[in-house]
Amino acid sequence: MNMVPVPIKRLPHFEGLQLPAYATDGAAGMDVLAAEDITLEPGSRHAVATGLAVAIPHGYEIQVRPRSGLALKHGISVPNSPGTIDSDYRGELKVILINHALEAFTIQRGDRIAQLVLAPVTRASWLPVDELDETSRGEGGFGSTGGVVALGN
């Protein structure tokens, strides 16, 4: 397993909390905790403080992903999932959460609110061409490959 050291700064309001950690040996994401109390009303969003700042190594990003249990059981998700923290950002790591449920949801300081995944970054370079190669799909867009049994495709 490849371990990449990531410098992490604990801000004053982080005191007493645990650093993000993997819950199991096979986990791809680290659980990150809320450093504040907040109630998310139905349909509302909030950038939840974590009390942490990081210096991600060049060539990497941290992806912020929803916790499946919060999404399934309570309708709480990360609206820009996966969120991206770039390697040159040095401010506080905050997690944008949205409440898709019909009732308010309270997040307490210390609650696990999202997962952080360190991932390598591959950057594209554009190669302008006059024509693209042909494929069997062609220009078929949204829904063109089927997959919805109720719609007969």
N, C-alpha and C. Protein backbone atom coordinates (compact mmCIF):
# COMPACT_ATOMS: atom_id res chain seq x y z
N MET A 1 0.86 -1.18 0.00
CA MET A 1 0.00 0.00 0.00
C MET A 1 0.90 1.23 0.00
N ASN A 2 0.61 2.15 -0.90
CA ASN A 2 1.39 3.38 -1.03
C ASN A 2 0.89 4.44 -0.05
N MET A 3 1.73 4.86 0.88
CA MET A 3 1.36 5.89 1.85
C MET A 3 2.02 7.21 1.43
N VAL A 4 1.24 8.27 1.30
CA VAL A 4 1.74 9.58 0.92
C VAL A 4 1.58 10.51 2.11
N PRO A 5 2.68 11.05 2.65
CA PRO A 5 2.56 11.96 3.79
C PRO A 5 1.90 13.28 3.37
N VAL A 6 0.91 13.70 4.13
CA VAL A 6 0.20 14.96 3.86
C VAL A 6 0.28 15.82 5.12
N PRO A 7 1.01 16.94 5.07
CA PRO A 7 1.06 17.84 6.23
C PRO A 7 -0.35 18.34 6.57
N ILE A 8 -0.68 18.31 7.87
CA ILE A 8 -2.01 18.72 8.32
C ILE A 8 -1.86 19.65 9.52
N LYS A 9 -2.57 20.76 9.47
CA LYS A 9 -2.52 21.76 10.55
C LYS A 9 -3.83 21.73 11.31
N ARG A 10 -3.74 21.61 12.63
CA ARG A 10 -4.92 21.62 13.49
C ARG A 10 -5.19 23.07 13.91
N LEU A 11 -6.33 23.59 13.54
CA LEU A 11 -6.72 24.95 13.88
C LEU A 11 -7.28 24.97 15.30
N PRO A 12 -7.35 26.16 15.93
CA PRO A 12 -7.79 26.22 17.34
C PRO A 12 -9.12 25.52 17.62
N HIS A 13 -10.10 25.61 16.73
CA HIS A 13 -11.41 25.00 16.98
C HIS A 13 -11.42 23.49 16.71
N PHE A 14 -10.27 22.92 16.36
CA PHE A 14 -10.15 21.46 16.19
C PHE A 14 -9.87 20.76 17.52
N GLU A 15 -9.44 21.50 18.50
CA GLU A 15 -8.99 20.91 19.77
C GLU A 15 -9.97 19.88 20.31
N GLY A 16 -9.42 18.72 20.69
CA GLY A 16 -10.22 17.64 21.27
C GLY A 16 -10.78 16.66 20.26
N LEU A 17 -10.61 16.92 18.96
CA LEU A 17 -11.12 16.03 17.92
C LEU A 17 -10.01 15.10 17.42
N GLN A 18 -10.39 14.08 16.69
CA GLN A 18 -9.44 13.13 16.12
C GLN A 18 -9.15 13.50 14.67
N LEU A 19 -7.92 13.27 14.24
CA LEU A 19 -7.56 13.47 12.84
C LEU A 19 -8.38 12.51 11.96
N PRO A 20 -8.60 12.87 10.68
CA PRO A 20 -9.28 11.94 9.78
C PRO A 20 -8.58 10.58 9.81
N ALA A 21 -9.38 9.51 9.77
CA ALA A 21 -8.81 8.16 9.88
C ALA A 21 -9.61 7.18 9.04
N TYR A 22 -8.91 6.13 8.63
CA TYR A 22 -9.56 5.02 7.91
C TYR A 22 -10.27 4.14 8.93
N ALA A 23 -11.53 3.80 8.69
CA ALA A 23 -12.31 3.00 9.63
C ALA A 23 -11.92 1.53 9.59
N THR A 24 -11.46 1.05 8.43
CA THR A 24 -11.06 -0.35 8.28
C THR A 24 -9.81 -0.42 7.43
N ASP A 25 -9.17 -1.58 7.41
CA ASP A 25 -7.96 -1.77 6.60
C ASP A 25 -8.25 -1.64 5.10
N GLY A 26 -9.45 -1.95 4.68
CA GLY A 26 -9.80 -1.88 3.27
C GLY A 26 -10.44 -0.57 2.83
N ALA A 27 -10.58 0.38 3.75
CA ALA A 27 -11.26 1.64 3.43
C ALA A 27 -10.42 2.50 2.49
N ALA A 28 -11.05 3.07 1.48
CA ALA A 28 -10.38 3.98 0.56
C ALA A 28 -10.42 5.41 1.08
N GLY A 29 -11.45 5.73 1.86
CA GLY A 29 -11.63 7.09 2.37
C GLY A 29 -11.45 7.17 3.86
N MET A 30 -10.97 8.33 4.31
CA MET A 30 -10.83 8.62 5.74
C MET A 30 -12.06 9.39 6.19
N ASP A 31 -12.60 9.02 7.34
CA ASP A 31 -13.73 9.77 7.89
C ASP A 31 -13.20 11.08 8.48
N VAL A 32 -13.86 12.18 8.12
CA VAL A 32 -13.51 13.50 8.67
C VAL A 32 -14.65 13.96 9.56
N LEU A 33 -14.31 14.67 10.64
CA LEU A 33 -15.28 15.06 11.65
C LEU A 33 -15.67 16.53 11.55
N ALA A 34 -16.88 16.83 12.00
CA ALA A 34 -17.34 18.22 12.09
C ALA A 34 -16.68 18.88 13.30
N ALA A 35 -16.29 20.14 13.13
CA ALA A 35 -15.71 20.92 14.23
C ALA A 35 -16.70 21.97 14.71
N GLU A 36 -17.96 21.81 14.37
CA GLU A 36 -19.00 22.75 14.79
C GLU A 36 -20.33 22.03 14.88
N ASP A 37 -21.26 22.63 15.61
CA ASP A 37 -22.64 22.16 15.67
C ASP A 37 -23.45 22.94 14.65
N ILE A 38 -24.30 22.24 13.91
CA ILE A 38 -25.14 22.92 12.91
C ILE A 38 -26.40 22.08 12.69
N THR A 39 -27.51 22.75 12.48
CA THR A 39 -28.73 22.06 12.07
C THR A 39 -29.01 22.42 10.63
N LEU A 40 -29.10 21.41 9.79
CA LEU A 40 -29.42 21.60 8.38
C LEU A 40 -30.91 21.44 8.19
N GLU A 41 -31.56 22.51 7.81
CA GLU A 41 -32.99 22.44 7.51
C GLU A 41 -33.18 21.74 6.16
N PRO A 42 -34.37 21.19 5.91
CA PRO A 42 -34.62 20.53 4.63
C PRO A 42 -34.27 21.46 3.46
N GLY A 43 -33.50 20.93 2.52
CA GLY A 43 -33.11 21.70 1.33
C GLY A 43 -31.95 22.66 1.54
N SER A 44 -31.47 22.80 2.76
CA SER A 44 -30.40 23.78 3.01
C SER A 44 -29.02 23.16 2.85
N ARG A 45 -28.03 24.04 2.66
CA ARG A 45 -26.63 23.66 2.52
C ARG A 45 -25.81 24.44 3.53
N HIS A 46 -24.66 23.87 3.91
CA HIS A 46 -23.75 24.57 4.82
C HIS A 46 -22.35 24.01 4.62
N ALA A 47 -21.35 24.89 4.63
CA ALA A 47 -19.95 24.48 4.58
C ALA A 47 -19.51 24.21 6.02
N VAL A 48 -19.46 22.95 6.40
CA VAL A 48 -19.19 22.54 7.77
C VAL A 48 -17.68 22.58 8.04
N ALA A 49 -17.31 23.30 9.08
CA ALA A 49 -15.90 23.42 9.47
C ALA A 49 -15.37 22.10 9.98
N THR A 50 -14.09 21.83 9.67
CA THR A 50 -13.42 20.63 10.19
C THR A 50 -12.30 21.00 11.17
N GLY A 51 -11.90 22.26 11.19
CA GLY A 51 -10.80 22.67 12.06
C GLY A 51 -9.43 22.24 11.55
N LEU A 52 -9.35 21.89 10.28
CA LEU A 52 -8.11 21.40 9.69
C LEU A 52 -7.74 22.15 8.43
N ALA A 53 -6.46 22.29 8.19
CA ALA A 53 -5.93 22.78 6.92
C ALA A 53 -4.84 21.80 6.50
N VAL A 54 -4.68 21.60 5.21
CA VAL A 54 -3.73 20.61 4.70
C VAL A 54 -2.84 21.19 3.62
N ALA A 55 -1.69 20.57 3.42
CA ALA A 55 -0.77 20.91 2.33
C ALA A 55 -0.63 19.64 1.48
N ILE A 56 -1.55 19.48 0.55
CA ILE A 56 -1.58 18.29 -0.30
C ILE A 56 -0.38 18.35 -1.24
N PRO A 57 0.37 17.26 -1.36
CA PRO A 57 1.52 17.26 -2.26
C PRO A 57 1.11 17.55 -3.71
N HIS A 58 1.98 18.26 -4.42
CA HIS A 58 1.75 18.54 -5.84
C HIS A 58 1.55 17.22 -6.58
N GLY A 59 0.58 17.20 -7.48
CA GLY A 59 0.28 15.98 -8.23
C GLY A 59 -0.82 15.15 -7.60
N TYR A 60 -1.39 15.65 -6.50
CA TYR A 60 -2.48 14.96 -5.81
C TYR A 60 -3.62 15.93 -5.55
N GLU A 61 -4.77 15.39 -5.23
CA GLU A 61 -5.93 16.14 -4.75
C GLU A 61 -6.53 15.34 -3.61
N ILE A 62 -7.37 15.97 -2.83
CA ILE A 62 -8.21 15.23 -1.90
C ILE A 62 -9.64 15.37 -2.39
N GLN A 63 -10.28 14.23 -2.60
CA GLN A 63 -11.68 14.21 -2.99
C GLN A 63 -12.53 14.10 -1.74
N VAL A 64 -13.59 14.90 -1.67
CA VAL A 64 -14.52 14.88 -0.54
C VAL A 64 -15.78 14.17 -1.02
N ARG A 65 -16.09 13.08 -0.34
CA ARG A 65 -17.23 12.25 -0.76
C ARG A 65 -18.23 12.09 0.38
N PRO A 66 -19.50 11.87 0.03
CA PRO A 66 -20.52 11.66 1.06
C PRO A 66 -20.28 10.36 1.82
N ARG A 67 -20.80 10.28 3.02
CA ARG A 67 -20.83 9.02 3.78
C ARG A 67 -22.13 8.32 3.40
N SER A 68 -22.03 7.08 3.01
CA SER A 68 -23.20 6.36 2.50
C SER A 68 -24.31 6.24 3.53
N GLY A 69 -23.96 6.04 4.79
CA GLY A 69 -24.98 5.91 5.83
C GLY A 69 -25.77 7.19 6.03
N LEU A 70 -25.09 8.34 6.00
CA LEU A 70 -25.79 9.62 6.13
C LEU A 70 -26.71 9.84 4.93
N ALA A 71 -26.25 9.46 3.75
CA ALA A 71 -27.05 9.66 2.54
C ALA A 71 -28.30 8.77 2.56
N LEU A 72 -28.11 7.49 2.87
CA LEU A 72 -29.23 6.55 2.84
C LEU A 72 -30.22 6.79 3.96
N LYS A 73 -29.71 6.93 5.18
CA LYS A 73 -30.58 7.01 6.35
C LYS A 73 -31.17 8.40 6.59
N HIS A 74 -30.45 9.46 6.18
CA HIS A 74 -30.87 10.81 6.56
C HIS A 74 -30.94 11.80 5.39
N GLY A 75 -30.56 11.39 4.18
CA GLY A 75 -30.63 12.30 3.03
C GLY A 75 -29.56 13.37 3.04
N ILE A 76 -28.47 13.16 3.80
CA ILE A 76 -27.39 14.14 3.89
C ILE A 76 -26.30 13.76 2.90
N SER A 77 -25.90 14.72 2.06
CA SER A 77 -24.92 14.40 1.03
C SER A 77 -23.99 15.59 0.78
N VAL A 78 -23.02 15.37 -0.08
CA VAL A 78 -22.10 16.41 -0.53
C VAL A 78 -22.58 16.81 -1.92
N PRO A 79 -23.12 18.04 -2.09
CA PRO A 79 -23.77 18.39 -3.36
C PRO A 79 -22.82 18.46 -4.55
N ASN A 80 -21.55 18.75 -4.34
CA ASN A 80 -20.59 18.83 -5.44
C ASN A 80 -19.71 17.59 -5.48
N SER A 81 -20.32 16.46 -5.18
CA SER A 81 -19.58 15.22 -5.00
C SER A 81 -19.03 14.66 -6.30
N PRO A 82 -17.77 14.24 -6.35
CA PRO A 82 -16.84 14.48 -5.25
C PRO A 82 -16.31 15.91 -5.30
N GLY A 83 -16.25 16.52 -4.14
CA GLY A 83 -15.61 17.83 -4.04
C GLY A 83 -14.11 17.65 -4.19
N THR A 84 -13.44 18.67 -4.65
CA THR A 84 -12.00 18.61 -4.85
C THR A 84 -11.30 19.65 -4.01
N ILE A 85 -10.26 19.21 -3.29
CA ILE A 85 -9.37 20.14 -2.60
C ILE A 85 -8.06 20.09 -3.38
N ASP A 86 -7.69 21.22 -3.96
CA ASP A 86 -6.49 21.30 -4.79
C ASP A 86 -5.23 21.37 -3.95
N SER A 87 -4.11 20.98 -4.55
CA SER A 87 -2.84 20.92 -3.83
C SER A 87 -2.32 22.29 -3.41
N ASP A 88 -2.80 23.36 -4.03
CA ASP A 88 -2.29 24.69 -3.67
C ASP A 88 -3.21 25.44 -2.69
N TYR A 89 -4.29 24.80 -2.23
CA TYR A 89 -5.20 25.43 -1.27
C TYR A 89 -4.66 25.24 0.15
N ARG A 90 -4.64 26.32 0.93
CA ARG A 90 -4.12 26.24 2.30
C ARG A 90 -5.12 26.70 3.36
N GLY A 91 -6.35 26.98 2.98
CA GLY A 91 -7.35 27.40 3.95
C GLY A 91 -7.96 26.23 4.68
N GLU A 92 -8.94 26.53 5.54
CA GLU A 92 -9.59 25.47 6.29
C GLU A 92 -10.37 24.54 5.37
N LEU A 93 -10.24 23.25 5.63
CA LEU A 93 -11.01 22.25 4.92
C LEU A 93 -12.44 22.31 5.45
N LYS A 94 -13.38 22.64 4.58
CA LYS A 94 -14.79 22.65 4.94
C LYS A 94 -15.52 21.70 4.01
N VAL A 95 -16.55 21.07 4.52
CA VAL A 95 -17.32 20.09 3.76
C VAL A 95 -18.70 20.66 3.51
N ILE A 96 -19.03 20.86 2.24
CA ILE A 96 -20.37 21.36 1.88
C ILE A 96 -21.34 20.19 2.00
N LEU A 97 -22.31 20.33 2.89
CA LEU A 97 -23.34 19.31 3.06
C LEU A 97 -24.69 19.88 2.68
N ILE A 98 -25.56 19.01 2.16
CA ILE A 98 -26.93 19.39 1.80
C ILE A 98 -27.89 18.40 2.44
N ASN A 99 -29.03 18.90 2.86
CA ASN A 99 -30.07 18.05 3.45
C ASN A 99 -31.17 17.83 2.42
N HIS A 100 -31.22 16.61 1.85
CA HIS A 100 -32.26 16.25 0.88
C HIS A 100 -33.50 15.66 1.56
N ALA A 101 -33.49 15.56 2.87
CA ALA A 101 -34.60 14.95 3.61
C ALA A 101 -35.74 15.96 3.81
N LEU A 102 -36.82 15.49 4.38
CA LEU A 102 -37.98 16.34 4.64
C LEU A 102 -37.97 16.92 6.04
N GLU A 103 -37.01 16.49 6.88
CA GLU A 103 -36.91 17.02 8.24
C GLU A 103 -35.50 17.54 8.49
N ALA A 104 -35.39 18.41 9.48
CA ALA A 104 -34.09 18.99 9.83
C ALA A 104 -33.16 17.89 10.34
N PHE A 105 -31.86 18.09 10.15
CA PHE A 105 -30.85 17.14 10.61
C PHE A 105 -29.78 17.90 11.37
N THR A 106 -29.48 17.44 12.59
CA THR A 106 -28.49 18.12 13.43
C THR A 106 -27.16 17.40 13.35
N ILE A 107 -26.11 18.16 13.08
CA ILE A 107 -24.74 17.67 13.08
C ILE A 107 -24.09 18.23 14.33
N GLN A 108 -23.50 17.34 15.11
CA GLN A 108 -22.83 17.76 16.33
C GLN A 108 -21.32 17.70 16.14
N ARG A 109 -20.63 18.59 16.82
CA ARG A 109 -19.17 18.59 16.79
C ARG A 109 -18.66 17.19 17.11
N GLY A 110 -17.79 16.67 16.26
CA GLY A 110 -17.26 15.32 16.45
C GLY A 110 -17.94 14.26 15.60
N ASP A 111 -19.08 14.60 14.96
CA ASP A 111 -19.75 13.65 14.08
C ASP A 111 -18.93 13.44 12.81
N ARG A 112 -18.94 12.21 12.32
CA ARG A 112 -18.30 11.91 11.03
C ARG A 112 -19.23 12.43 9.93
N ILE A 113 -18.71 13.31 9.07
CA ILE A 113 -19.58 13.98 8.11
C ILE A 113 -19.28 13.66 6.65
N ALA A 114 -18.08 13.17 6.35
CA ALA A 114 -17.72 12.89 4.96
C ALA A 114 -16.49 12.00 4.95
N GLN A 115 -16.11 11.60 3.73
CA GLN A 115 -14.88 10.83 3.54
C GLN A 115 -13.91 11.64 2.70
N LEU A 116 -12.63 11.51 3.01
CA LEU A 116 -11.57 12.16 2.25
C LEU A 116 -10.75 11.08 1.55
N VAL A 117 -10.56 11.23 0.24
CA VAL A 117 -9.78 10.28 -0.54
C VAL A 117 -8.65 11.03 -1.22
N LEU A 118 -7.40 10.65 -0.89
CA LEU A 118 -6.25 11.22 -1.56
C LEU A 118 -6.11 10.53 -2.91
N ALA A 119 -6.02 11.31 -3.99
CA ALA A 119 -5.99 10.73 -5.33
C ALA A 119 -4.97 11.44 -6.20
N PRO A 120 -4.28 10.68 -7.06
CA PRO A 120 -3.35 11.32 -8.00
C PRO A 120 -4.12 12.11 -9.04
N VAL A 121 -3.51 13.15 -9.54
CA VAL A 121 -4.12 14.01 -10.55
C VAL A 121 -3.42 13.79 -11.89
N THR A 122 -4.20 13.56 -12.91
CA THR A 122 -3.70 13.51 -14.28
C THR A 122 -4.26 14.72 -15.00
N ARG A 123 -3.38 15.55 -15.53
CA ARG A 123 -3.84 16.75 -16.23
C ARG A 123 -3.88 16.50 -17.73
N ALA A 124 -4.89 17.07 -18.37
CA ALA A 124 -5.08 16.90 -19.81
C ALA A 124 -4.34 18.00 -20.58
N SER A 125 -3.95 17.67 -21.79
CA SER A 125 -3.50 18.68 -22.74
C SER A 125 -4.38 18.51 -23.98
N TRP A 126 -4.95 19.60 -24.46
CA TRP A 126 -5.89 19.54 -25.58
C TRP A 126 -5.13 19.36 -26.88
N LEU A 127 -5.67 18.52 -27.75
CA LEU A 127 -5.12 18.25 -29.07
C LEU A 127 -6.20 18.59 -30.09
N PRO A 128 -6.23 19.85 -30.59
CA PRO A 128 -7.28 20.23 -31.55
C PRO A 128 -7.21 19.40 -32.83
N VAL A 129 -8.39 18.90 -33.27
CA VAL A 129 -8.50 18.12 -34.51
C VAL A 129 -9.72 18.61 -35.27
N ASP A 130 -9.78 18.29 -36.56
CA ASP A 130 -10.93 18.67 -37.38
C ASP A 130 -12.07 17.65 -37.25
N GLU A 131 -11.73 16.40 -37.01
CA GLU A 131 -12.72 15.33 -36.88
C GLU A 131 -12.30 14.40 -35.76
N LEU A 132 -13.30 13.79 -35.11
CA LEU A 132 -13.04 12.78 -34.09
C LEU A 132 -13.22 11.39 -34.70
N ASP A 133 -12.60 10.38 -34.11
CA ASP A 133 -12.76 9.02 -34.60
C ASP A 133 -14.20 8.55 -34.39
N GLU A 134 -14.64 7.61 -35.21
CA GLU A 134 -16.00 7.07 -35.15
C GLU A 134 -16.08 5.99 -34.07
N THR A 135 -17.23 5.91 -33.38
CA THR A 135 -17.50 4.83 -32.43
C THR A 135 -18.90 4.30 -32.68
N SER A 136 -19.21 3.14 -32.11
CA SER A 136 -20.56 2.59 -32.30
C SER A 136 -21.62 3.46 -31.62
N ARG A 137 -21.26 4.18 -30.58
CA ARG A 137 -22.21 5.06 -29.88
C ARG A 137 -22.40 6.36 -30.64
N GLY A 138 -21.36 6.85 -31.23
CA GLY A 138 -21.45 8.11 -31.98
C GLY A 138 -21.80 9.28 -31.08
N GLU A 139 -22.81 10.05 -31.48
CA GLU A 139 -23.21 11.23 -30.72
C GLU A 139 -24.37 10.95 -29.77
N GLY A 140 -24.69 9.67 -29.55
CA GLY A 140 -25.77 9.31 -28.64
C GLY A 140 -25.45 9.82 -27.23
N GLY A 141 -26.34 10.62 -26.68
CA GLY A 141 -26.09 11.25 -25.39
C GLY A 141 -26.90 10.65 -24.26
N PHE A 142 -27.44 11.50 -23.43
CA PHE A 142 -28.13 11.10 -22.21
C PHE A 142 -29.17 10.02 -22.46
N GLY A 143 -28.99 8.86 -21.83
CA GLY A 143 -29.94 7.77 -21.92
C GLY A 143 -29.83 6.94 -23.19
N SER A 144 -28.87 7.25 -24.05
CA SER A 144 -28.79 6.56 -25.34
C SER A 144 -28.36 5.11 -25.23
N THR A 145 -27.76 4.72 -24.11
CA THR A 145 -27.34 3.32 -23.96
C THR A 145 -28.35 2.51 -23.17
N GLY A 146 -29.50 3.08 -22.82
CA GLY A 146 -30.55 2.35 -22.12
C GLY A 146 -30.25 2.17 -20.65
N GLY A 147 -30.80 1.09 -20.07
CA GLY A 147 -30.53 0.77 -18.69
C GLY A 147 -31.67 1.01 -17.73
N VAL A 148 -32.80 1.52 -18.19
CA VAL A 148 -33.94 1.74 -17.31
C VAL A 148 -35.04 0.76 -17.72
N VAL A 149 -35.18 -0.32 -16.95
CA VAL A 149 -36.11 -1.39 -17.28
C VAL A 149 -37.55 -0.86 -17.41
N ALA A 150 -37.96 0.03 -16.51
CA ALA A 150 -39.34 0.54 -16.53
C ALA A 150 -39.65 1.30 -17.81
N LEU A 151 -38.61 1.81 -18.48
CA LEU A 151 -38.82 2.56 -19.72
C LEU A 151 -38.67 1.66 -20.95
N GLY A 152 -38.42 0.38 -20.74
CA GLY A 152 -38.30 -0.57 -21.85
C GLY A 152 -36.94 -0.51 -22.53
N ASN A 153 -35.92 0.02 -21.84
CA ASN A 153 -34.60 0.04 -22.49
C ASN A 153 -33.50 -0.28 -21.51
